[in-house]
Amino acid sequence: MRRALELASWGKGQVSPNPMVGCVIVHGEKIIGEGYHQAYGGPHAEVHAINSVQDPRLLSEATAYVTLEPCAHWGKTPPCANLLVEMGLKKVVIAAVDSNPLVGGKGIEILKNAGISVETGLLEKEARWQNRRFFTQMEKKRPYVILKWAQTQDGFVARKDYSSKWISGSLSRQLVHKWRAEEDSIFVGKNTALHDDPRLDVRDWVGKNPIRIVLDLRLELPQNLHLFDQSTPTICFNSKESKVEKNLELIKVETEFTVSALLGELHSRKIQSLIVEGGNRVLSQFICAGLWDEARVFTSKTKFGDGIPAPHLNQNPSETLTIGENLLNIYYNG
């Protein structure tokens, strides 16, 4: 199962809104097949694993280790539970039961009704943690939220004129681009968009750009900002109009547009995760609402002496890492 979890991790950033899944097939003491869900819309882990078995006759005496309950419904691919039945597996060991109402328990039921021995809960905690974005989407009905900011040693995210370049070092910025490639979307507020003119892409890493999201209620941001260059899908929430133009979508919302409402809109679009890279005001709104799951905070050796203070988290970090000349503290909410 640990090997299956390792395989599943290779699909990170490629399979959303589906979960990452790995599958290992064992005959006796030997692995005879393995696979993972590689891309959204493509074959699932079980399909890849079965296709890699050189001698299918061994499957009737084999055990499949799967990190998530095999699906029981037709989506973009056929049900994996039915495939395991068809191939005559002897036993299936499942780490975590699926929270998707289309699947939850139904895949297990199909396997058991076919006479296949089923075991659940092996490394369940690890499997749920690996797919925490998926489980948050299914169980909390919102995207998994990652707050990210860089602060100076004396606790500021920007100078009084909103300038902040560059608080973090080059290694930290490259790591941020890696993170962006792993998540579905990225959000900034109006002030950050205006004063930093960020691209919010992954130019320092290899991977897909996240969907860019900005809140500009009165549509006052200049159209020559990088956000509006239509190089990658971008959503602008505003109180004026709704329209779609190539890679830019304007969505009209109420003037009192809350963090909760934002997450609800993203959930309805099956956006599974969100990085928040806004300034103090935007980040603090998520913190005050309790609507965040991780916070990743870089602290540099730079001092501003005065400026816009960094958000405050009333807890100790769960992890502390050194990234180049920066300190990275990682916090988990709950």
C-alpha atoms as a PDB file:
ATOM      1  CA  MET A   1       0.000   0.000   0.000  1.00  0.00           C
ATOM      2  CA  ARG A   2       2.909   2.360   0.603  1.00  0.00           C
ATOM      3  CA  ARG A   3       4.023   1.700  -2.966  1.00  0.00           C
ATOM      4  CA  ALA A   4       0.486   2.408  -4.163  1.00  0.00           C
ATOM      5  CA  LEU A   5       0.533   5.742  -2.293  1.00  0.00           C
ATOM      6  CA  GLU A   6       3.876   6.578  -3.874  1.00  0.00           C
ATOM      7  CA  LEU A   7       2.469   5.851  -7.324  1.00  0.00           C
ATOM      8  CA  ALA A   8      -0.640   7.930  -6.605  1.00  0.00           C
ATOM      9  CA  SER A   9       1.487  10.955  -5.759  1.00  0.00           C
ATOM     10  CA  TRP A  10       2.826  11.014  -9.330  1.00  0.00           C
ATOM     11  CA  GLY A  11      -0.577  12.241 -10.477  1.00  0.00           C
ATOM     12  CA  LYS A  12      -0.433  15.381  -8.337  1.00  0.00           C
ATOM     13  CA  GLY A  13      -1.521  18.429 -10.264  1.00  0.00           C
ATOM     14  CA  GLN A  14      -2.700  16.311 -13.219  1.00  0.00           C
ATOM     15  CA  VAL A  15      -5.971  14.636 -12.211  1.00  0.00           C
ATOM     16  CA  SER A  16      -8.151  17.238 -10.474  1.00  0.00           C
ATOM     17  CA  PRO A  17     -11.079  17.281  -9.877  1.00  0.00           C
ATOM     18  CA  ASN A  18     -10.522  13.527  -9.586  1.00  0.00           C
ATOM     19  CA  PRO A  19      -8.500  12.158  -6.667  1.00  0.00           C
ATOM     20  CA  MET A  20      -4.966  10.797  -6.934  1.00  0.00           C
ATOM     21  CA  VAL A  21      -5.074   6.993  -6.912  1.00  0.00           C
ATOM     22  CA  GLY A  22      -2.430   4.287  -7.022  1.00  0.00           C
ATOM     23  CA  CYS A  23      -2.861   0.539  -7.460  1.00  0.00           C
ATOM     24  CA  VAL A  24      -0.458  -2.354  -6.893  1.00  0.00           C
ATOM     25  CA  ILE A  25      -1.312  -5.981  -7.773  1.00  0.00           C
ATOM     26  CA  VAL A  26       0.453  -8.721  -5.815  1.00  0.00           C
ATOM     27  CA  HIS A  27       0.647 -12.453  -6.505  1.00  0.00           C
ATOM     28  CA  GLY A  28       2.236 -14.373  -3.666  1.00  0.00           C
ATOM     29  CA  GLU A  29       5.062 -12.143  -2.484  1.00  0.00           C
ATOM     30  CA  LYS A  30       5.652 -10.519  -5.855  1.00  0.00           C
ATOM     31  CA  ILE A  31       4.297  -7.324  -7.427  1.00  0.00           C
ATOM     32  CA  ILE A  32       2.988  -8.302 -10.854  1.00  0.00           C
ATOM     33  CA  GLY A  33       1.319  -5.047 -11.827  1.00  0.00           C
ATOM     34  CA  GLU A  34       1.080  -1.413 -10.815  1.00  0.00           C
ATOM     35  CA  GLY A  35      -0.340   1.846 -12.063  1.00  0.00           C
ATOM     36  CA  TYR A  36      -1.710   5.244 -11.112  1.00  0.00           C
ATOM     37  CA  HIS A  37      -4.265   7.766 -12.344  1.00  0.00           C
ATOM     38  CA  GLN A  38      -2.136   9.865 -14.669  1.00  0.00           C
ATOM     39  CA  ALA A  39      -4.474  12.467 -16.149  1.00  0.00           C
ATOM     40  CA  TYR A  40      -8.036  13.678 -15.717  1.00  0.00           C
ATOM     41  CA  GLY A  41     -10.268  11.896 -18.203  1.00  0.00           C
ATOM     42  CA  GLY A  42      -7.729   9.119 -18.743  1.00  0.00           C
ATOM     43  CA  PRO A  43      -7.684   5.511 -17.487  1.00  0.00           C
ATOM     44  CA  HIS A  44      -7.777   5.038 -13.724  1.00  0.00           C
ATOM     45  CA  ALA A  45      -5.081   3.430 -11.593  1.00  0.00           C
ATOM     46  CA  GLU A  46      -6.686  -0.026 -11.650  1.00  0.00           C
ATOM     47  CA  VAL A  47      -6.775  -0.055 -15.460  1.00  0.00           C
ATOM     48  CA  HIS A  48      -3.089   0.817 -15.747  1.00  0.00           C
ATOM     49  CA  ALA A  49      -2.188  -1.766 -13.104  1.00  0.00           C
ATOM     50  CA  ILE A  50      -4.126  -4.602 -14.748  1.00  0.00           C
ATOM     51  CA  ASN A  51      -2.785  -3.702 -18.186  1.00  0.00           C
ATOM     52  CA  SER A  52       0.760  -3.976 -16.833  1.00  0.00           C
ATOM     53  CA  VAL A  53       0.288  -7.586 -15.688  1.00  0.00           C
ATOM     54  CA  GLN A  54       2.177  -9.833 -18.102  1.00  0.00           C
ATOM     55  CA  ASP A  55       0.302 -13.037 -17.240  1.00  0.00           C
ATOM     56  CA  PRO A  56      -3.429 -12.288 -16.628  1.00  0.00           C
ATOM     57  CA  ARG A  57      -3.959 -15.877 -15.472  1.00  0.00           C
ATOM     58  CA  LEU A  58      -2.329 -14.908 -12.165  1.00  0.00           C
ATOM     59  CA  LEU A  59      -5.073 -12.374 -11.373  1.00  0.00           C
ATOM     60  CA  SER A  60      -7.447 -15.008  -9.994  1.00  0.00           C
ATOM     61  CA  GLU A  61      -4.980 -15.605  -7.146  1.00  0.00           C
ATOM     62  CA  ALA A  62      -3.866 -11.972  -6.808  1.00  0.00           C
ATOM     63  CA  THR A  63      -4.565  -9.124  -4.400  1.00  0.00           C
ATOM     64  CA  ALA A  64      -5.007  -5.524  -5.524  1.00  0.00           C
ATOM     65  CA  TYR A  65      -3.916  -2.753  -3.150  1.00  0.00           C
ATOM     66  CA  VAL A  66      -5.748   0.476  -4.007  1.00  0.00           C
ATOM     67  CA  THR A  67      -5.381   3.826  -2.227  1.00  0.00           C
ATOM     68  CA  LEU A  68      -9.056   4.761  -2.761  1.00  0.00           C
ATOM     69  CA  GLU A  69     -12.231   2.747  -3.177  1.00  0.00           C
ATOM     70  CA  PRO A  70     -12.618   1.670  -6.832  1.00  0.00           C
ATOM     71  CA  CYS A  71     -15.270   3.734  -8.622  1.00  0.00           C
ATOM     72  CA  ALA A  72     -18.672   2.208  -9.244  1.00  0.00           C
ATOM     73  CA  HIS A  73     -20.111   4.673 -11.763  1.00  0.00           C
ATOM     74  CA  TRP A  74     -19.663   5.573 -15.394  1.00  0.00           C
ATOM     75  CA  GLY A  75     -17.853   8.891 -15.745  1.00  0.00           C
ATOM     76  CA  LYS A  76     -15.242   9.603 -18.382  1.00  0.00           C
ATOM     77  CA  THR A  77     -14.167   5.947 -17.980  1.00  0.00           C
ATOM     78  CA  PRO A  78     -15.962   2.684 -17.080  1.00  0.00           C
ATOM     79  CA  PRO A  79     -16.366   1.600 -13.414  1.00  0.00           C
ATOM     80  CA  CYS A  80     -13.144   0.172 -11.972  1.00  0.00           C
ATOM     81  CA  ALA A  81     -14.980  -2.039  -9.484  1.00  0.00           C
ATOM     82  CA  ASN A  82     -16.593  -3.883 -12.401  1.00  0.00           C
ATOM     83  CA  LEU A  83     -13.200  -4.282 -14.075  1.00  0.00           C
ATOM     84  CA  LEU A  84     -11.735  -5.910 -10.965  1.00  0.00           C
ATOM     85  CA  VAL A  85     -14.692  -8.303 -10.889  1.00  0.00           C
ATOM     86  CA  GLU A  86     -14.346  -9.064 -14.594  1.00  0.00           C
ATOM     87  CA  MET A  87     -10.639  -9.860 -14.189  1.00  0.00           C
ATOM     88  CA  GLY A  88     -11.389 -12.201 -11.288  1.00  0.00           C
ATOM     89  CA  LEU A  89      -9.259 -10.700  -8.520  1.00  0.00           C
ATOM     90  CA  LYS A  90      -9.150 -12.770  -5.343  1.00  0.00           C
ATOM     91  CA  LYS A  91      -8.867  -9.892  -2.880  1.00  0.00           C
ATOM     92  CA  VAL A  92      -8.896  -6.076  -2.872  1.00  0.00           C
ATOM     93  CA  VAL A  93      -7.335  -4.030  -0.072  1.00  0.00           C
ATOM     94  CA  ILE A  94      -8.530  -0.411   0.059  1.00  0.00           C
ATOM     95  CA  ALA A  95      -6.898   2.389   2.046  1.00  0.00           C
ATOM     96  CA  ALA A  96      -9.771   4.916   2.130  1.00  0.00           C
ATOM     97  CA  VAL A  97     -13.471   4.757   1.301  1.00  0.00           C
ATOM     98  CA  ASP A  98     -14.555   7.337  -1.279  1.00  0.00           C
ATOM     99  CA  SER A  99     -16.571  10.357  -0.045  1.00  0.00           C
ATOM    100  CA  ASN A 100     -18.110  10.915  -3.467  1.00  0.00           C
ATOM    101  CA  PRO A 101     -21.838  10.063  -3.115  1.00  0.00           C
ATOM    102  CA  LEU A 102     -21.662   8.439  -6.561  1.00  0.00           C
ATOM    103  CA  VAL A 103     -19.087   5.985  -5.221  1.00  0.00           C
ATOM    104  CA  GLY A 104     -19.009   5.813  -1.422  1.00  0.00           C
ATOM    105  CA  GLY A 105     -19.478   2.177  -0.448  1.00  0.00           C
ATOM    106  CA  LYS A 106     -20.893   1.161  -3.822  1.00  0.00           C
ATOM    107  CA  GLY A 107     -17.570  -0.001  -5.226  1.00  0.00           C
ATOM    108  CA  ILE A 108     -17.009  -2.159  -2.161  1.00  0.00           C
ATOM    109  CA  GLU A 109     -20.526  -3.562  -2.493  1.00  0.00           C
ATOM    110  CA  ILE A 110     -19.910  -4.583  -6.119  1.00  0.00           C
ATOM    111  CA  LEU A 111     -16.687  -6.369  -5.145  1.00  0.00           C
ATOM    112  CA  LYS A 112     -18.238  -8.214  -2.199  1.00  0.00           C
ATOM    113  CA  ASN A 113     -21.310  -9.251  -4.188  1.00  0.00           C
ATOM    114  CA  ALA A 114     -18.950 -10.849  -6.706  1.00  0.00           C
ATOM    115  CA  GLY A 115     -17.313 -12.908  -3.962  1.00  0.00           C
ATOM    116  CA  ILE A 116     -14.107 -10.863  -3.787  1.00  0.00           C
ATOM    117  CA  SER A 117     -12.575 -10.517  -0.335  1.00  0.00           C
ATOM    118  CA  VAL A 118     -12.390  -6.821   0.632  1.00  0.00           C
ATOM    119  CA  GLU A 119     -10.339  -5.161   3.362  1.00  0.00           C
ATOM    120  CA  THR A 120     -10.473  -1.430   4.122  1.00  0.00           C
ATOM    121  CA  GLY A 121      -8.557   1.029   6.298  1.00  0.00           C
ATOM    122  CA  LEU A 122      -4.935   0.032   5.579  1.00  0.00           C
ATOM    123  CA  LEU A 123      -2.946   3.308   5.780  1.00  0.00           C
ATOM    124  CA  GLU A 124      -6.254   5.180   5.672  1.00  0.00           C
ATOM    125  CA  LYS A 125      -4.863   8.251   7.456  1.00  0.00           C
ATOM    126  CA  GLU A 126      -2.031   8.563   4.924  1.00  0.00           C
ATOM    127  CA  ALA A 127      -4.413   8.071   1.996  1.00  0.00           C
ATOM    128  CA  ARG A 128      -6.863  10.706   3.225  1.00  0.00           C
ATOM    129  CA  TRP A 129      -4.017  13.154   3.816  1.00  0.00           C
ATOM    130  CA  GLN A 130      -2.664  12.593   0.316  1.00  0.00           C
ATOM    131  CA  ASN A 131      -6.106  13.355  -1.123  1.00  0.00           C
ATOM    132  CA  ARG A 132      -7.013  16.092   1.377  1.00  0.00           C
ATOM    133  CA  ARG A 133      -8.011  18.414  -1.476  1.00  0.00           C
ATOM    134  CA  PHE A 134     -10.468  15.842  -2.831  1.00  0.00           C
ATOM    135  CA  PHE A 135     -11.910  14.999   0.589  1.00  0.00           C
ATOM    136  CA  THR A 136     -12.284  18.701   1.468  1.00  0.00           C
ATOM    137  CA  GLN A 137     -14.169  19.264  -1.775  1.00  0.00           C
ATOM    138  CA  MET A 138     -16.483  16.312  -1.122  1.00  0.00           C
ATOM    139  CA  GLU A 139     -17.026  16.734   2.619  1.00  0.00           C
ATOM    140  CA  LYS A 140     -16.799  20.512   3.188  1.00  0.00           C
ATOM    141  CA  LYS A 141     -18.229  21.541  -0.193  1.00  0.00           C
ATOM    142  CA  ARG A 142     -15.426  23.990  -0.892  1.00  0.00           C
ATOM    143  CA  PRO A 143     -11.910  23.990  -2.318  1.00  0.00           C
ATOM    144  CA  TYR A 144      -8.883  23.187  -0.179  1.00  0.00           C
ATOM    145  CA  VAL A 145      -7.440  26.597   0.739  1.00  0.00           C
ATOM    146  CA  ILE A 146      -3.715  27.324   0.991  1.00  0.00           C
ATOM    147  CA  LEU A 147      -2.693  30.764   2.251  1.00  0.00           C
ATOM    148  CA  LYS A 148       0.732  31.948   1.162  1.00  0.00           C
ATOM    149  CA  TRP A 149       2.714  35.068   1.927  1.00  0.00           C
ATOM    150  CA  ALA A 150       6.253  36.334   2.411  1.00  0.00           C
ATOM    151  CA  GLN A 151       7.115  38.628   5.298  1.00  0.00           C
ATOM    152  CA  THR A 152      10.159  40.521   6.440  1.00  0.00           C
ATOM    153  CA  GLN A 153      12.033  39.670   9.603  1.00  0.00           C
ATOM    154  CA  ASP A 154      10.270  42.560  11.329  1.00  0.00           C
ATOM    155  CA  GLY A 155       6.822  41.334  10.222  1.00  0.00           C
ATOM    156  CA  PHE A 156       5.761  43.312   7.146  1.00  0.00           C
ATOM    157  CA  VAL A 157       4.371  42.038   3.817  1.00  0.00           C
ATOM    158  CA  ALA A 158       4.915  45.327   1.960  1.00  0.00           C
ATOM    159  CA  ARG A 159       6.061  48.898   2.381  1.00  0.00           C
ATOM    160  CA  LYS A 160       3.575  51.697   2.971  1.00  0.00           C
ATOM    161  CA  ASP A 161       3.374  52.273  -0.791  1.00  0.00           C
ATOM    162  CA  TYR A 162       2.413  48.577  -1.210  1.00  0.00           C
ATOM    163  CA  SER A 163       5.753  47.659  -2.854  1.00  0.00           C
ATOM    164  CA  SER A 164       7.096  44.286  -1.722  1.00  0.00           C
ATOM    165  CA  LYS A 165       9.646  43.062  -4.286  1.00  0.00           C
ATOM    166  CA  TRP A 166      11.567  41.087  -3.410  1.00  0.00           C
ATOM    167  CA  ILE A 167      11.025  39.865   0.143  1.00  0.00           C
ATOM    168  CA  SER A 168      11.618  36.195  -0.623  1.00  0.00           C
ATOM    169  CA  GLY A 169      14.661  34.737  -2.403  1.00  0.00           C
ATOM    170  CA  SER A 170      14.915  33.069  -5.809  1.00  0.00           C
ATOM    171  CA  LEU A 171      14.658  29.511  -4.407  1.00  0.00           C
ATOM    172  CA  SER A 172      11.516  30.438  -2.488  1.00  0.00           C
ATOM    173  CA  ARG A 173       9.955  31.959  -5.599  1.00  0.00           C
ATOM    174  CA  GLN A 174      10.731  28.832  -7.621  1.00  0.00           C
ATOM    175  CA  LEU A 175       9.120  26.691  -4.915  1.00  0.00           C
ATOM    176  CA  VAL A 176       6.014  28.882  -5.101  1.00  0.00           C
ATOM    177  CA  HIS A 177       5.827  28.214  -8.863  1.00  0.00           C
ATOM    178  CA  LYS A 178       6.013  24.473  -8.129  1.00  0.00           C
ATOM    179  CA  TRP A 179       3.116  24.865  -5.693  1.00  0.00           C
ATOM    180  CA  ARG A 180       1.088  26.734  -8.290  1.00  0.00           C
ATOM    181  CA  ALA A 181       1.526  23.851 -10.736  1.00  0.00           C
ATOM    182  CA  GLU A 182       0.034  21.494  -8.126  1.00  0.00           C
ATOM    183  CA  GLU A 183      -3.162  23.456  -7.442  1.00  0.00           C
ATOM    184  CA  ASP A 184      -6.295  24.272  -9.446  1.00  0.00           C
ATOM    185  CA  SER A 185      -6.528  28.004  -8.862  1.00  0.00           C
ATOM    186  CA  ILE A 186      -4.853  31.078  -7.392  1.00  0.00           C
ATOM    187  CA  PHE A 187      -6.500  34.194  -5.946  1.00  0.00           C
ATOM    188  CA  VAL A 188      -5.372  37.768  -5.353  1.00  0.00           C
ATOM    189  CA  GLY A 189      -7.223  40.877  -4.270  1.00  0.00           C
ATOM    190  CA  LYS A 190      -7.503  44.143  -6.142  1.00  0.00           C
ATOM    191  CA  ASN A 191      -4.582  45.868  -4.362  1.00  0.00           C
ATOM    192  CA  THR A 192      -2.145  43.027  -5.008  1.00  0.00           C
ATOM    193  CA  ALA A 193      -3.176  42.907  -8.668  1.00  0.00           C
ATOM    194  CA  LEU A 194      -2.743  46.668  -9.014  1.00  0.00           C
ATOM    195  CA  HIS A 195       0.526  47.201  -7.137  1.00  0.00           C
ATOM    196  CA  ASP A 196       2.380  43.941  -7.902  1.00  0.00           C
ATOM    197  CA  ASP A 197       0.956  43.235 -11.388  1.00  0.00           C
ATOM    198  CA  PRO A 198       1.588  39.485 -10.852  1.00  0.00           C
ATOM    199  CA  ARG A 199       1.510  36.897 -13.645  1.00  0.00           C
ATOM    200  CA  LEU A 200       0.449  34.102 -11.243  1.00  0.00           C
ATOM    201  CA  ASP A 201       1.897  31.484 -13.576  1.00  0.00           C
ATOM    202  CA  VAL A 202       4.505  28.683 -13.357  1.00  0.00           C
ATOM    203  CA  ARG A 203       7.222  30.146 -15.577  1.00  0.00           C
ATOM    204  CA  ASP A 204       9.932  28.977 -13.125  1.00  0.00           C
ATOM    205  CA  TRP A 205       8.607  25.398 -13.076  1.00  0.00           C
ATOM    206  CA  VAL A 206       7.221  22.762 -15.439  1.00  0.00           C
ATOM    207  CA  GLY A 207       3.476  22.240 -15.177  1.00  0.00           C
ATOM    208  CA  LYS A 208       0.084  23.769 -15.863  1.00  0.00           C
ATOM    209  CA  ASN A 209      -0.848  27.288 -14.837  1.00  0.00           C
ATOM    210  CA  PRO A 210      -3.581  27.538 -12.196  1.00  0.00           C
ATOM    211  CA  ILE A 211      -6.813  29.374 -12.986  1.00  0.00           C
ATOM    212  CA  ARG A 212      -6.213  32.994 -11.997  1.00  0.00           C
ATOM    213  CA  ILE A 213      -8.893  34.654  -9.864  1.00  0.00           C
ATOM    214  CA  VAL A 214      -9.226  38.300  -8.854  1.00  0.00           C
ATOM    215  CA  LEU A 215     -11.902  40.294  -7.017  1.00  0.00           C
ATOM    216  CA  ASP A 216     -12.469  43.732  -8.568  1.00  0.00           C
ATOM    217  CA  LEU A 217     -16.003  44.733  -7.600  1.00  0.00           C
ATOM    218  CA  ARG A 218     -16.140  48.000  -9.577  1.00  0.00           C
ATOM    219  CA  LEU A 219     -13.983  46.812 -12.501  1.00  0.00           C
ATOM    220  CA  GLU A 220     -11.383  49.471 -11.820  1.00  0.00           C
ATOM    221  CA  LEU A 221      -8.218  47.488 -12.562  1.00  0.00           C
ATOM    222  CA  PRO A 222      -6.313  48.518 -15.705  1.00  0.00           C
ATOM    223  CA  GLN A 223      -6.776  46.091 -18.569  1.00  0.00           C
ATOM    224  CA  ASN A 224      -3.055  46.097 -19.362  1.00  0.00           C
ATOM    225  CA  LEU A 225      -2.235  44.102 -16.214  1.00  0.00           C
ATOM    226  CA  HIS A 226      -0.716  40.640 -16.679  1.00  0.00           C
ATOM    227  CA  LEU A 227      -3.881  39.154 -15.147  1.00  0.00           C
ATOM    228  CA  PHE A 228      -5.880  40.216 -18.184  1.00  0.00           C
ATOM    229  CA  ASP A 229      -3.448  39.121 -20.904  1.00  0.00           C
ATOM    230  CA  GLN A 230      -5.618  36.032 -21.583  1.00  0.00           C
ATOM    231  CA  SER A 231      -2.564  33.766 -21.571  1.00  0.00           C
ATOM    232  CA  THR A 232      -4.313  31.447 -19.123  1.00  0.00           C
ATOM    233  CA  PRO A 233      -7.923  31.069 -17.860  1.00  0.00           C
ATOM    234  CA  THR A 234      -8.805  33.957 -15.544  1.00  0.00           C
ATOM    235  CA  ILE A 235     -11.935  34.774 -13.535  1.00  0.00           C
ATOM    236  CA  CYS A 236     -12.765  38.293 -12.364  1.00  0.00           C
ATOM    237  CA  PHE A 237     -15.532  38.552  -9.776  1.00  0.00           C
ATOM    238  CA  ASN A 238     -17.264  41.944  -9.936  1.00  0.00           C
ATOM    239  CA  SER A 239     -20.591  43.667  -9.260  1.00  0.00           C
ATOM    240  CA  LYS A 240     -21.030  45.086 -12.779  1.00  0.00           C
ATOM    241  CA  GLU A 241     -21.410  42.394 -15.434  1.00  0.00           C
ATOM    242  CA  SER A 242     -21.018  38.777 -16.511  1.00  0.00           C
ATOM    243  CA  LYS A 243     -19.377  37.916 -19.816  1.00  0.00           C
ATOM    244  CA  VAL A 244     -16.820  35.567 -21.341  1.00  0.00           C
ATOM    245  CA  GLU A 245     -14.059  36.686 -23.676  1.00  0.00           C
ATOM    246  CA  LYS A 246     -11.582  33.978 -24.706  1.00  0.00           C
ATOM    247  CA  ASN A 247      -9.624  33.139 -21.529  1.00  0.00           C
ATOM    248  CA  LEU A 248     -11.210  35.874 -19.406  1.00  0.00           C
ATOM    249  CA  GLU A 249     -14.522  35.387 -17.612  1.00  0.00           C
ATOM    250  CA  LEU A 250     -16.299  38.160 -15.730  1.00  0.00           C
ATOM    251  CA  ILE A 251     -18.750  36.921 -13.099  1.00  0.00           C
ATOM    252  CA  LYS A 252     -21.266  39.338 -11.561  1.00  0.00           C
ATOM    253  CA  VAL A 253     -21.726  38.940  -7.806  1.00  0.00           C
ATOM    254  CA  GLU A 254     -23.340  40.850  -4.964  1.00  0.00           C
ATOM    255  CA  THR A 255     -21.469  43.877  -3.611  1.00  0.00           C
ATOM    256  CA  GLU A 256     -21.148  42.111  -0.247  1.00  0.00           C
ATOM    257  CA  PHE A 257     -19.213  39.219  -1.745  1.00  0.00           C
ATOM    258  CA  THR A 258     -17.799  37.121   1.101  1.00  0.00           C
ATOM    259  CA  VAL A 259     -14.970  34.629   1.293  1.00  0.00           C
ATOM    260  CA  SER A 260     -17.562  31.900   1.850  1.00  0.00           C
ATOM    261  CA  ALA A 261     -19.440  32.959  -1.291  1.00  0.00           C
ATOM    262  CA  LEU A 262     -16.202  32.924  -3.293  1.00  0.00           C
ATOM    263  CA  LEU A 263     -15.422  29.369  -2.183  1.00  0.00           C
ATOM    264  CA  GLY A 264     -18.993  28.333  -2.969  1.00  0.00           C
ATOM    265  CA  GLU A 265     -18.670  29.672  -6.520  1.00  0.00           C
ATOM    266  CA  LEU A 266     -15.378  27.816  -7.022  1.00  0.00           C
ATOM    267  CA  HIS A 267     -16.835  24.586  -5.596  1.00  0.00           C
ATOM    268  CA  SER A 268     -19.730  24.777  -8.073  1.00  0.00           C
ATOM    269  CA  ARG A 269     -17.107  24.821 -10.840  1.00  0.00           C
ATOM    270  CA  LYS A 270     -15.352  21.734  -9.413  1.00  0.00           C
ATOM    271  CA  ILE A 271     -12.260  23.768  -8.538  1.00  0.00           C
ATOM    272  CA  GLN A 272     -10.647  21.562  -5.934  1.00  0.00           C
ATOM    273  CA  SER A 273      -7.921  23.785  -4.486  1.00  0.00           C
ATOM    274  CA  LEU A 274      -7.077  27.459  -4.123  1.00  0.00           C
ATOM    275  CA  ILE A 275      -3.853  29.295  -3.296  1.00  0.00           C
ATOM    276  CA  VAL A 276      -4.482  32.717  -1.780  1.00  0.00           C
ATOM    277  CA  GLU A 277      -1.626  35.117  -2.524  1.00  0.00           C
ATOM    278  CA  GLY A 278      -3.370  38.330  -1.581  1.00  0.00           C
ATOM    279  CA  GLY A 279      -2.195  41.040   0.781  1.00  0.00           C
ATOM    280  CA  ASN A 280      -2.925  41.415   4.485  1.00  0.00           C
ATOM    281  CA  ARG A 281      -6.586  42.336   4.037  1.00  0.00           C
ATOM    282  CA  VAL A 282      -7.510  39.406   1.794  1.00  0.00           C
ATOM    283  CA  LEU A 283      -5.491  36.848   3.766  1.00  0.00           C
ATOM    284  CA  SER A 284      -6.956  38.082   7.059  1.00  0.00           C
ATOM    285  CA  GLN A 285     -10.494  37.617   5.722  1.00  0.00           C
ATOM    286  CA  PHE A 286      -9.817  33.920   5.146  1.00  0.00           C
ATOM    287  CA  ILE A 287      -8.150  33.611   8.557  1.00  0.00           C
ATOM    288  CA  CYS A 288     -10.980  35.399  10.418  1.00  0.00           C
ATOM    289  CA  ALA A 289     -13.588  33.250   8.662  1.00  0.00           C
ATOM    290  CA  GLY A 290     -11.652  30.091   9.542  1.00  0.00           C
ATOM    291  CA  LEU A 291     -11.818  29.124   5.862  1.00  0.00           C
ATOM    292  CA  TRP A 292      -8.283  27.923   5.303  1.00  0.00           C
ATOM    293  CA  ASP A 293      -6.489  24.593   5.526  1.00  0.00           C
ATOM    294  CA  GLU A 294      -2.781  25.388   5.181  1.00  0.00           C
ATOM    295  CA  ALA A 295      -0.675  28.525   5.497  1.00  0.00           C
ATOM    296  CA  ARG A 296       2.814  28.668   3.993  1.00  0.00           C
ATOM    297  CA  VAL A 297       4.759  31.642   5.299  1.00  0.00           C
ATOM    298  CA  PHE A 298       8.210  32.710   4.150  1.00  0.00           C
ATOM    299  CA  THR A 299      10.260  34.954   6.439  1.00  0.00           C
ATOM    300  CA  SER A 300      13.298  36.741   5.038  1.00  0.00           C
ATOM    301  CA  LYS A 301      16.225  38.466   6.704  1.00  0.00           C
ATOM    302  CA  THR A 302      15.100  41.761   5.158  1.00  0.00           C
ATOM    303  CA  LYS A 303      13.752  44.497   7.423  1.00  0.00           C
ATOM    304  CA  PHE A 304      11.426  47.312   6.320  1.00  0.00           C
ATOM    305  CA  GLY A 305      11.177  49.108   9.655  1.00  0.00           C
ATOM    306  CA  ASP A 306       7.649  50.183   8.747  1.00  0.00           C
ATOM    307  CA  GLY A 307       4.960  49.102   6.327  1.00  0.00           C
ATOM    308  CA  ILE A 308       1.883  46.894   5.985  1.00  0.00           C
ATOM    309  CA  PRO A 309       1.904  44.253   8.725  1.00  0.00           C
ATOM    310  CA  ALA A 310       1.734  40.539   7.936  1.00  0.00           C
ATOM    311  CA  PRO A 311      -1.377  38.530   8.861  1.00  0.00           C
ATOM    312  CA  HIS A 312      -1.313  36.829  12.241  1.00  0.00           C
ATOM    313  CA  LEU A 313      -1.932  33.163  12.986  1.00  0.00           C
ATOM    314  CA  ASN A 314      -2.528  32.424  16.631  1.00  0.00           C
ATOM    315  CA  GLN A 315      -0.719  29.074  16.613  1.00  0.00           C
ATOM    316  CA  ASN A 316       2.704  27.524  16.276  1.00  0.00           C
ATOM    317  CA  PRO A 317       3.886  26.153  12.916  1.00  0.00           C
ATOM    318  CA  SER A 318       3.619  22.418  12.273  1.00  0.00           C
ATOM    319  CA  GLU A 319       6.723  22.410  10.087  1.00  0.00           C
ATOM    320  CA  THR A 320       9.722  24.718   9.711  1.00  0.00           C
ATOM    321  CA  LEU A 321      12.063  24.485   6.722  1.00  0.00           C
ATOM    322  CA  THR A 322      14.997  26.496   5.414  1.00  0.00           C
ATOM    323  CA  ILE A 323      14.651  27.514   1.755  1.00  0.00           C
ATOM    324  CA  GLY A 324      17.800  29.313   0.644  1.00  0.00           C
ATOM    325  CA  GLU A 325      18.070  32.359   2.894  1.00  0.00           C
ATOM    326  CA  ASN A 326      14.398  32.199   3.887  1.00  0.00           C
ATOM    327  CA  LEU A 327      12.587  30.421   6.680  1.00  0.00           C
ATOM    328  CA  LEU A 328       9.402  28.602   5.647  1.00  0.00           C
ATOM    329  CA  ASN A 329       6.786  27.938   8.333  1.00  0.00           C
ATOM    330  CA  ILE A 330       3.849  25.702   7.463  1.00  0.00           C
ATOM    331  CA  TYR A 331       0.632  25.837   9.499  1.00  0.00           C
ATOM    332  CA  TYR A 332      -2.387  23.536   9.381  1.00  0.00           C
ATOM    333  CA  ASN A 333      -5.865  24.625  10.449  1.00  0.00           C
ATOM    334  CA  GLY A 334      -7.303  21.963  12.721  1.00  0.00           C
END
